[in-house]
Amino acid sequence: MTTPVLALTFVASFAFVFLKASQQLHVVHNQYLRVIPTSLAMACMEVFVMASVAKNGWGWMVVPVGLGAGLGCCAAMWLHSRTKP
């Protein structure tokens, strides 16, 4: 397993959870038109993360996946608090 794999998995995990949190906010605020594109982007990121873990094992993959997910959620909450009406 190489550093680029860990970095890409971190980015994909960040993006997946950022999108997941954003989708929840879209649902809460009845933003129907944003749900489908967000879901498709989420699917791409989730499949990439799962494939990376399947190919490389879960050992060290836990760190970038966990950190990416936590920071992605925090980023979505921060961005939402700055952009809500």
PDB file of N, CA and C in Angstrom:
ATOM      1  N   MET A   1       0.859  -1.176   0.000  1.00  0.00           N
ATOM      2  CA  MET A   1       0.000   0.000   0.000  1.00  0.00           C
ATOM      3  C   MET A   1       0.901   1.233   0.000  1.00  0.00           C
ATOM      4  N   THR A   2       0.546   2.195  -0.824  1.00  0.00           N
ATOM      5  CA  THR A   2       1.380   3.379  -0.980  1.00  0.00           C
ATOM      6  C   THR A   2       0.696   4.614  -0.409  1.00  0.00           C
ATOM      7  N   THR A   3       1.490   5.643  -0.214  1.00  0.00           N
ATOM      8  CA  THR A   3       0.964   6.904   0.300  1.00  0.00           C
ATOM      9  C   THR A   3      -0.105   7.509  -0.606  1.00  0.00           C
ATOM     10  N   PRO A   4       0.048   7.481  -1.943  1.00  0.00           N
ATOM     11  CA  PRO A   4      -1.034   8.017  -2.780  1.00  0.00           C
ATOM     12  C   PRO A   4      -2.370   7.299  -2.576  1.00  0.00           C
ATOM     13  N   VAL A   5      -2.334   5.991  -2.338  1.00  0.00           N
ATOM     14  CA  VAL A   5      -3.574   5.247  -2.087  1.00  0.00           C
ATOM     15  C   VAL A   5      -4.220   5.751  -0.800  1.00  0.00           C
ATOM     16  N   LEU A   6      -3.422   5.932   0.242  1.00  0.00           N
ATOM     17  CA  LEU A   6      -3.956   6.435   1.510  1.00  0.00           C
ATOM     18  C   LEU A   6      -4.509   7.846   1.342  1.00  0.00           C
ATOM     19  N   ALA A   7      -3.795   8.685   0.598  1.00  0.00           N
ATOM     20  CA  ALA A   7      -4.240  10.063   0.386  1.00  0.00           C
ATOM     21  C   ALA A   7      -5.539  10.105  -0.419  1.00  0.00           C
ATOM     22  N   LEU A   8      -5.623   9.321  -1.474  1.00  0.00           N
ATOM     23  CA  LEU A   8      -6.844   9.291  -2.286  1.00  0.00           C
ATOM     24  C   LEU A   8      -8.028   8.756  -1.481  1.00  0.00           C
ATOM     25  N   THR A   9      -7.767   7.765  -0.648  1.00  0.00           N
ATOM     26  CA  THR A   9      -8.839   7.221   0.184  1.00  0.00           C
ATOM     27  C   THR A   9      -9.294   8.243   1.216  1.00  0.00           C
ATOM     28  N   PHE A  10      -8.364   9.004   1.766  1.00  0.00           N
ATOM     29  CA  PHE A  10      -8.721  10.090   2.691  1.00  0.00           C
ATOM     30  C   PHE A  10      -9.626  11.095   1.988  1.00  0.00           C
ATOM     31  N   VAL A  11      -9.233  11.527   0.799  1.00  0.00           N
ATOM     32  CA  VAL A  11     -10.014  12.518   0.042  1.00  0.00           C
ATOM     33  C   VAL A  11     -11.394  11.969  -0.297  1.00  0.00           C
ATOM     34  N   ALA A  12     -11.459  10.722  -0.726  1.00  0.00           N
ATOM     35  CA  ALA A  12     -12.754  10.124  -1.075  1.00  0.00           C
ATOM     36  C   ALA A  12     -13.649   9.981   0.149  1.00  0.00           C
ATOM     37  N   SER A  13     -13.070   9.611   1.282  1.00  0.00           N
ATOM     38  CA  SER A  13     -13.851   9.491   2.510  1.00  0.00           C
ATOM     39  C   SER A  13     -14.352  10.859   2.965  1.00  0.00           C
ATOM     40  N   PHE A  14     -13.478  11.859   2.889  1.00  0.00           N
ATOM     41  CA  PHE A  14     -13.860  13.236   3.212  1.00  0.00           C
ATOM     42  C   PHE A  14     -15.035  13.661   2.340  1.00  0.00           C
ATOM     43  N   ALA A  15     -14.897  13.453   1.022  1.00  0.00           N
ATOM     44  CA  ALA A  15     -15.942  13.862   0.081  1.00  0.00           C
ATOM     45  C   ALA A  15     -17.237  13.099   0.329  1.00  0.00           C
ATOM     46  N   PHE A  16     -17.141  11.795   0.595  1.00  0.00           N
ATOM     47  CA  PHE A  16     -18.337  10.989   0.808  1.00  0.00           C
ATOM     48  C   PHE A  16     -19.133  11.502   2.007  1.00  0.00           C
ATOM     49  N   VAL A  17     -18.473  11.708   3.127  1.00  0.00           N
ATOM     50  CA  VAL A  17     -19.206  12.133   4.318  1.00  0.00           C
ATOM     51  C   VAL A  17     -19.625  13.598   4.207  1.00  0.00           C
ATOM     52  N   PHE A  18     -18.818  14.428   3.550  1.00  0.00           N
ATOM     53  CA  PHE A  18     -19.229  15.806   3.287  1.00  0.00           C
ATOM     54  C   PHE A  18     -20.535  15.809   2.486  1.00  0.00           C
ATOM     55  N   LEU A  19     -20.579  14.996   1.449  1.00  0.00           N
ATOM     56  CA  LEU A  19     -21.787  14.902   0.625  1.00  0.00           C
ATOM     57  C   LEU A  19     -22.959  14.307   1.397  1.00  0.00           C
ATOM     58  N   LYS A  20     -22.676  13.317   2.233  1.00  0.00           N
ATOM     59  CA  LYS A  20     -23.733  12.681   3.023  1.00  0.00           C
ATOM     60  C   LYS A  20     -24.358  13.681   3.995  1.00  0.00           C
ATOM     61  N   ALA A  21     -23.525  14.453   4.667  1.00  0.00           N
ATOM     62  CA  ALA A  21     -24.040  15.474   5.583  1.00  0.00           C
ATOM     63  C   ALA A  21     -24.791  16.556   4.808  1.00  0.00           C
ATOM     64  N   SER A  22     -24.265  16.931   3.663  1.00  0.00           N
ATOM     65  CA  SER A  22     -24.943  17.927   2.824  1.00  0.00           C
ATOM     66  C   SER A  22     -26.300  17.413   2.366  1.00  0.00           C
ATOM     67  N   GLN A  23     -26.357  16.138   1.998  1.00  0.00           N
ATOM     68  CA  GLN A  23     -27.631  15.565   1.562  1.00  0.00           C
ATOM     69  C   GLN A  23     -28.659  15.618   2.693  1.00  0.00           C
ATOM     70  N   GLN A  24     -28.236  15.327   3.903  1.00  0.00           N
ATOM     71  CA  GLN A  24     -29.159  15.400   5.040  1.00  0.00           C
ATOM     72  C   GLN A  24     -29.682  16.820   5.211  1.00  0.00           C
ATOM     73  N   LEU A  25     -28.816  17.790   5.010  1.00  0.00           N
ATOM     74  CA  LEU A  25     -29.247  19.187   5.108  1.00  0.00           C
ATOM     75  C   LEU A  25     -30.199  19.539   3.968  1.00  0.00           C
ATOM     76  N   HIS A  26     -29.973  18.998   2.771  1.00  0.00           N
ATOM     77  CA  HIS A  26     -30.895  19.225   1.652  1.00  0.00           C
ATOM     78  C   HIS A  26     -32.275  18.661   1.983  1.00  0.00           C
ATOM     79  N   VAL A  27     -32.308  17.486   2.585  1.00  0.00           N
ATOM     80  CA  VAL A  27     -33.581  16.860   2.950  1.00  0.00           C
ATOM     81  C   VAL A  27     -34.309  17.696   3.994  1.00  0.00           C
ATOM     82  N   VAL A  28     -33.583  18.122   5.009  1.00  0.00           N
ATOM     83  CA  VAL A  28     -34.194  18.921   6.078  1.00  0.00           C
ATOM     84  C   VAL A  28     -34.791  20.210   5.525  1.00  0.00           C
ATOM     85  N   HIS A  29     -34.143  20.786   4.534  1.00  0.00           N
ATOM     86  CA  HIS A  29     -34.592  22.071   3.986  1.00  0.00           C
ATOM     87  C   HIS A  29     -35.396  21.921   2.682  1.00  0.00           C
ATOM     88  N   ASN A  30     -35.860  20.685   2.395  1.00  0.00           N
ATOM     89  CA  ASN A  30     -36.709  20.416   1.224  1.00  0.00           C
ATOM     90  C   ASN A  30     -36.104  20.907  -0.092  1.00  0.00           C
ATOM     91  N   GLN A  31     -34.823  20.696  -0.285  1.00  0.00           N
ATOM     92  CA  GLN A  31     -34.148  21.079  -1.521  1.00  0.00           C
ATOM     93  C   GLN A  31     -34.090  19.855  -2.446  1.00  0.00           C
ATOM     94  N   TYR A  32     -35.252  19.522  -3.010  1.00  0.00           N
ATOM     95  CA  TYR A  32     -35.421  18.299  -3.799  1.00  0.00           C
ATOM     96  C   TYR A  32     -34.443  18.181  -4.961  1.00  0.00           C
ATOM     97  N   LEU A  33     -34.197  19.257  -5.667  1.00  0.00           N
ATOM     98  CA  LEU A  33     -33.354  19.189  -6.862  1.00  0.00           C
ATOM     99  C   LEU A  33     -31.886  18.890  -6.546  1.00  0.00           C
ATOM    100  N   ARG A  34     -31.485  19.077  -5.327  1.00  0.00           N
ATOM    101  CA  ARG A  34     -30.084  18.818  -4.964  1.00  0.00           C
ATOM    102  C   ARG A  34     -29.850  17.394  -4.479  1.00  0.00           C
ATOM    103  N   VAL A  35     -30.909  16.664  -4.166  1.00  0.00           N
ATOM    104  CA  VAL A  35     -30.753  15.341  -3.565  1.00  0.00           C
ATOM    105  C   VAL A  35     -30.182  14.314  -4.556  1.00  0.00           C
ATOM    106  N   ILE A  36     -30.711  14.239  -5.768  1.00  0.00           N
ATOM    107  CA  ILE A  36     -30.260  13.215  -6.729  1.00  0.00           C
ATOM    108  C   ILE A  36     -28.798  13.416  -7.137  1.00  0.00           C
ATOM    109  N   PRO A  37     -28.367  14.628  -7.545  1.00  0.00           N
ATOM    110  CA  PRO A  37     -26.947  14.780  -7.895  1.00  0.00           C
ATOM    111  C   PRO A  37     -26.020  14.483  -6.707  1.00  0.00           C
ATOM    112  N   THR A  38     -26.454  14.872  -5.524  1.00  0.00           N
ATOM    113  CA  THR A  38     -25.642  14.597  -4.334  1.00  0.00           C
ATOM    114  C   THR A  38     -25.548  13.096  -4.101  1.00  0.00           C
ATOM    115  N   SER A  39     -26.653  12.382  -4.292  1.00  0.00           N
ATOM    116  CA  SER A  39     -26.658  10.925  -4.112  1.00  0.00           C
ATOM    117  C   SER A  39     -25.737  10.234  -5.104  1.00  0.00           C
ATOM    118  N   LEU A  40     -25.734  10.693  -6.346  1.00  0.00           N
ATOM    119  CA  LEU A  40     -24.852  10.096  -7.357  1.00  0.00           C
ATOM    120  C   LEU A  40     -23.377  10.335  -7.018  1.00  0.00           C
ATOM    121  N   ALA A  41     -23.058  11.534  -6.576  1.00  0.00           N
ATOM    122  CA  ALA A  41     -21.674  11.825  -6.173  1.00  0.00           C
ATOM    123  C   ALA A  41     -21.284  10.989  -4.952  1.00  0.00           C
ATOM    124  N   MET A  42     -22.220  10.839  -4.014  1.00  0.00           N
ATOM    125  CA  MET A  42     -21.969  10.007  -2.837  1.00  0.00           C
ATOM    126  C   MET A  42     -21.655   8.573  -3.244  1.00  0.00           C
ATOM    127  N   ALA A  43     -22.421   8.050  -4.190  1.00  0.00           N
ATOM    128  CA  ALA A  43     -22.216   6.668  -4.638  1.00  0.00           C
ATOM    129  C   ALA A  43     -20.814   6.477  -5.209  1.00  0.00           C
ATOM    130  N   CYS A  44     -20.355   7.438  -5.999  1.00  0.00           N
ATOM    131  CA  CYS A  44     -19.000   7.352  -6.570  1.00  0.00           C
ATOM    132  C   CYS A  44     -17.947   7.293  -5.473  1.00  0.00           C
ATOM    133  N   MET A  45     -18.068   8.166  -4.492  1.00  0.00           N
ATOM    134  CA  MET A  45     -17.079   8.210  -3.413  1.00  0.00           C
ATOM    135  C   MET A  45     -17.142   6.954  -2.540  1.00  0.00           C
ATOM    136  N   GLU A  46     -18.356   6.501  -2.254  1.00  0.00           N
ATOM    137  CA  GLU A  46     -18.509   5.315  -1.410  1.00  0.00           C
ATOM    138  C   GLU A  46     -17.933   4.075  -2.087  1.00  0.00           C
ATOM    139  N   VAL A  47     -18.196   3.916  -3.372  1.00  0.00           N
ATOM    140  CA  VAL A  47     -17.669   2.763  -4.107  1.00  0.00           C
ATOM    141  C   VAL A  47     -16.140   2.822  -4.138  1.00  0.00           C
ATOM    142  N   PHE A  48     -15.569   4.010  -4.339  1.00  0.00           N
ATOM    143  CA  PHE A  48     -14.108   4.132  -4.349  1.00  0.00           C
ATOM    144  C   PHE A  48     -13.519   3.735  -2.996  1.00  0.00           C
ATOM    145  N   VAL A  49     -14.125   4.214  -1.907  1.00  0.00           N
ATOM    146  CA  VAL A  49     -13.619   3.877  -0.571  1.00  0.00           C
ATOM    147  C   VAL A  49     -13.717   2.374  -0.338  1.00  0.00           C
ATOM    148  N   MET A  50     -14.863   1.779  -0.659  1.00  0.00           N
ATOM    149  CA  MET A  50     -15.031   0.336  -0.436  1.00  0.00           C
ATOM    150  C   MET A  50     -14.049  -0.464  -1.286  1.00  0.00           C
ATOM    151  N   ALA A  51     -13.855  -0.060  -2.540  1.00  0.00           N
ATOM    152  CA  ALA A  51     -12.913  -0.772  -3.411  1.00  0.00           C
ATOM    153  C   ALA A  51     -11.483  -0.644  -2.896  1.00  0.00           C
ATOM    154  N   SER A  52     -11.132   0.523  -2.392  1.00  0.00           N
ATOM    155  CA  SER A  52      -9.777   0.727  -1.852  1.00  0.00           C
ATOM    156  C   SER A  52      -9.531  -0.159  -0.648  1.00  0.00           C
ATOM    157  N   VAL A  53     -10.509  -0.239   0.221  1.00  0.00           N
ATOM    158  CA  VAL A  53     -10.369  -1.083   1.412  1.00  0.00           C
ATOM    159  C   VAL A  53     -10.322  -2.554   0.999  1.00  0.00           C
ATOM    160  N   ALA A  54     -11.174  -2.943   0.055  1.00  0.00           N
ATOM    161  CA  ALA A  54     -11.178  -4.339  -0.407  1.00  0.00           C
ATOM    162  C   ALA A  54      -9.841  -4.721  -1.039  1.00  0.00           C
ATOM    163  N   LYS A  55      -9.261  -3.803  -1.794  1.00  0.00           N
ATOM    164  CA  LYS A  55      -7.998  -4.092  -2.487  1.00  0.00           C
ATOM    165  C   LYS A  55      -6.795  -4.059  -1.547  1.00  0.00           C
ATOM    166  N   ASN A  56      -6.802  -3.152  -0.566  1.00  0.00           N
ATOM    167  CA  ASN A  56      -5.620  -2.933   0.267  1.00  0.00           C
ATOM    168  C   ASN A  56      -5.740  -3.462   1.685  1.00  0.00           C
ATOM    169  N   GLY A  57      -6.876  -4.023   2.049  1.00  0.00           N
ATOM    170  CA  GLY A  57      -7.073  -4.485   3.424  1.00  0.00           C
ATOM    171  C   GLY A  57      -7.494  -3.324   4.312  1.00  0.00           C
ATOM    172  N   TRP A  58      -8.042  -3.647   5.447  1.00  0.00           N
ATOM    173  CA  TRP A  58      -8.602  -2.585   6.282  1.00  0.00           C
ATOM    174  C   TRP A  58      -7.605  -2.034   7.285  1.00  0.00           C
ATOM    175  N   GLY A  59      -6.485  -2.681   7.533  1.00  0.00           N
ATOM    176  CA  GLY A  59      -5.510  -2.272   8.539  1.00  0.00           C
ATOM    177  C   GLY A  59      -5.245  -0.776   8.625  1.00  0.00           C
ATOM    178  N   TRP A  60      -4.356  -0.279   7.774  1.00  0.00           N
ATOM    179  CA  TRP A  60      -4.014   1.144   7.795  1.00  0.00           C
ATOM    180  C   TRP A  60      -5.072   2.012   7.129  1.00  0.00           C
ATOM    181  N   MET A  61      -5.993   1.408   6.411  1.00  0.00           N
ATOM    182  CA  MET A  61      -7.031   2.174   5.725  1.00  0.00           C
ATOM    183  C   MET A  61      -7.998   2.815   6.711  1.00  0.00           C
ATOM    184  N   VAL A  62      -8.060   2.276   7.926  1.00  0.00           N
ATOM    185  CA  VAL A  62      -8.961   2.831   8.940  1.00  0.00           C
ATOM    186  C   VAL A  62      -8.604   4.289   9.244  1.00  0.00           C
ATOM    187  N   VAL A  63      -7.330   4.598   9.257  1.00  0.00           N
ATOM    188  CA  VAL A  63      -6.896   5.957   9.613  1.00  0.00           C
ATOM    189  C   VAL A  63      -7.363   6.992   8.583  1.00  0.00           C
ATOM    190  N   PRO A  64      -7.044   6.859   7.300  1.00  0.00           N
ATOM    191  CA  PRO A  64      -7.510   7.884   6.360  1.00  0.00           C
ATOM    192  C   PRO A  64      -9.029   7.909   6.199  1.00  0.00           C
ATOM    193  N   VAL A  65      -9.668   6.748   6.273  1.00  0.00           N
ATOM    194  CA  VAL A  65     -11.125   6.716   6.148  1.00  0.00           C
ATOM    195  C   VAL A  65     -11.770   7.419   7.340  1.00  0.00           C
ATOM    196  N   GLY A  66     -11.304   7.130   8.530  1.00  0.00           N
ATOM    197  CA  GLY A  66     -11.869   7.753   9.736  1.00  0.00           C
ATOM    198  C   GLY A  66     -11.607   9.248   9.808  1.00  0.00           C
ATOM    199  N   LEU A  67     -10.375   9.649   9.527  1.00  0.00           N
ATOM    200  CA  LEU A  67     -10.055  11.081   9.562  1.00  0.00           C
ATOM    201  C   LEU A  67     -10.782  11.841   8.463  1.00  0.00           C
ATOM    202  N   GLY A  68     -10.814  11.272   7.276  1.00  0.00           N
ATOM    203  CA  GLY A  68     -11.520  11.918   6.171  1.00  0.00           C
ATOM    204  C   GLY A  68     -12.994  12.085   6.478  1.00  0.00           C
ATOM    205  N   ALA A  69     -13.608  11.054   7.034  1.00  0.00           N
ATOM    206  CA  ALA A  69     -15.034  11.108   7.359  1.00  0.00           C
ATOM    207  C   ALA A  69     -15.325  12.171   8.417  1.00  0.00           C
ATOM    208  N   GLY A  70     -14.558  12.170   9.475  1.00  0.00           N
ATOM    209  CA  GLY A  70     -14.784  13.152  10.540  1.00  0.00           C
ATOM    210  C   GLY A  70     -14.596  14.580  10.066  1.00  0.00           C
ATOM    211  N   LEU A  71     -13.527  14.819   9.329  1.00  0.00           N
ATOM    212  CA  LEU A  71     -13.272  16.172   8.832  1.00  0.00           C
ATOM    213  C   LEU A  71     -14.282  16.585   7.760  1.00  0.00           C
ATOM    214  N   GLY A  72     -14.737  15.622   6.953  1.00  0.00           N
ATOM    215  CA  GLY A  72     -15.753  15.914   5.949  1.00  0.00           C
ATOM    216  C   GLY A  72     -17.061  16.350   6.579  1.00  0.00           C
ATOM    217  N   CYS A  73     -17.450  15.689   7.646  1.00  0.00           N
ATOM    218  CA  CYS A  73     -18.678  16.060   8.348  1.00  0.00           C
ATOM    219  C   CYS A  73     -18.545  17.439   8.983  1.00  0.00           C
ATOM    220  N   CYS A  74     -17.421  17.687   9.630  1.00  0.00           N
ATOM    221  CA  CYS A  74     -17.186  19.012  10.230  1.00  0.00           C
ATOM    222  C   CYS A  74     -17.206  20.106   9.171  1.00  0.00           C
ATOM    223  N   ALA A  75     -16.610  19.840   8.015  1.00  0.00           N
ATOM    224  CA  ALA A  75     -16.582  20.832   6.937  1.00  0.00           C
ATOM    225  C   ALA A  75     -17.983  21.118   6.417  1.00  0.00           C
ATOM    226  N   ALA A  76     -18.798  20.089   6.272  1.00  0.00           N
ATOM    227  CA  ALA A  76     -20.177  20.287   5.797  1.00  0.00           C
ATOM    228  C   ALA A  76     -20.977  21.113   6.797  1.00  0.00           C
ATOM    229  N   MET A  77     -20.828  20.820   8.081  1.00  0.00           N
ATOM    230  CA  MET A  77     -21.552  21.585   9.105  1.00  0.00           C
ATOM    231  C   MET A  77     -21.080  23.034   9.125  1.00  0.00           C
ATOM    232  N   TRP A  78     -19.771  23.244   9.008  1.00  0.00           N
ATOM    233  CA  TRP A  78     -19.229  24.600   9.010  1.00  0.00           C
ATOM    234  C   TRP A  78     -19.735  25.382   7.801  1.00  0.00           C
ATOM    235  N   LEU A  79     -19.658  24.761   6.621  1.00  0.00           N
ATOM    236  CA  LEU A  79     -20.109  25.426   5.412  1.00  0.00           C
ATOM    237  C   LEU A  79     -21.601  25.751   5.483  1.00  0.00           C
ATOM    238  N   HIS A  80     -22.395  24.820   5.981  1.00  0.00           N
ATOM    239  CA  HIS A  80     -23.832  25.062   6.096  1.00  0.00           C
ATOM    240  C   HIS A  80     -24.124  26.220   7.039  1.00  0.00           C
ATOM    241  N   SER A  81     -23.392  26.286   8.139  1.00  0.00           N
ATOM    242  CA  SER A  81     -23.640  27.384   9.097  1.00  0.00           C
ATOM    243  C   SER A  81     -23.277  28.747   8.503  1.00  0.00           C
ATOM    244  N   ARG A  82     -22.398  28.748   7.505  1.00  0.00           N
ATOM    245  CA  ARG A  82     -21.980  30.009   6.867  1.00  0.00           C
ATOM    246  C   ARG A  82     -22.872  30.403   5.693  1.00  0.00           C
ATOM    247  N   THR A  83     -23.630  29.444   5.147  1.00  0.00           N
ATOM    248  CA  THR A  83     -24.397  29.724   3.936  1.00  0.00           C
ATOM    249  C   THR A  83     -25.903  29.687   4.133  1.00  0.00           C
ATOM    250  N   LYS A  84     -26.381  29.270   5.299  1.00  0.00           N
ATOM    251  CA  LYS A  84     -27.838  29.201   5.466  1.00  0.00           C
ATOM    252  C   LYS A  84     -28.433  30.607   5.551  1.00  0.00           C
ATOM    253  N   PRO A  85     -29.688  30.754   5.105  1.00  0.00           N
ATOM    254  CA  PRO A  85     -30.322  32.074   5.092  1.00  0.00           C
ATOM    255  C   PRO A  85     -30.578  32.637   6.476  1.00  0.00           C
TER     256      PRO A  85
END
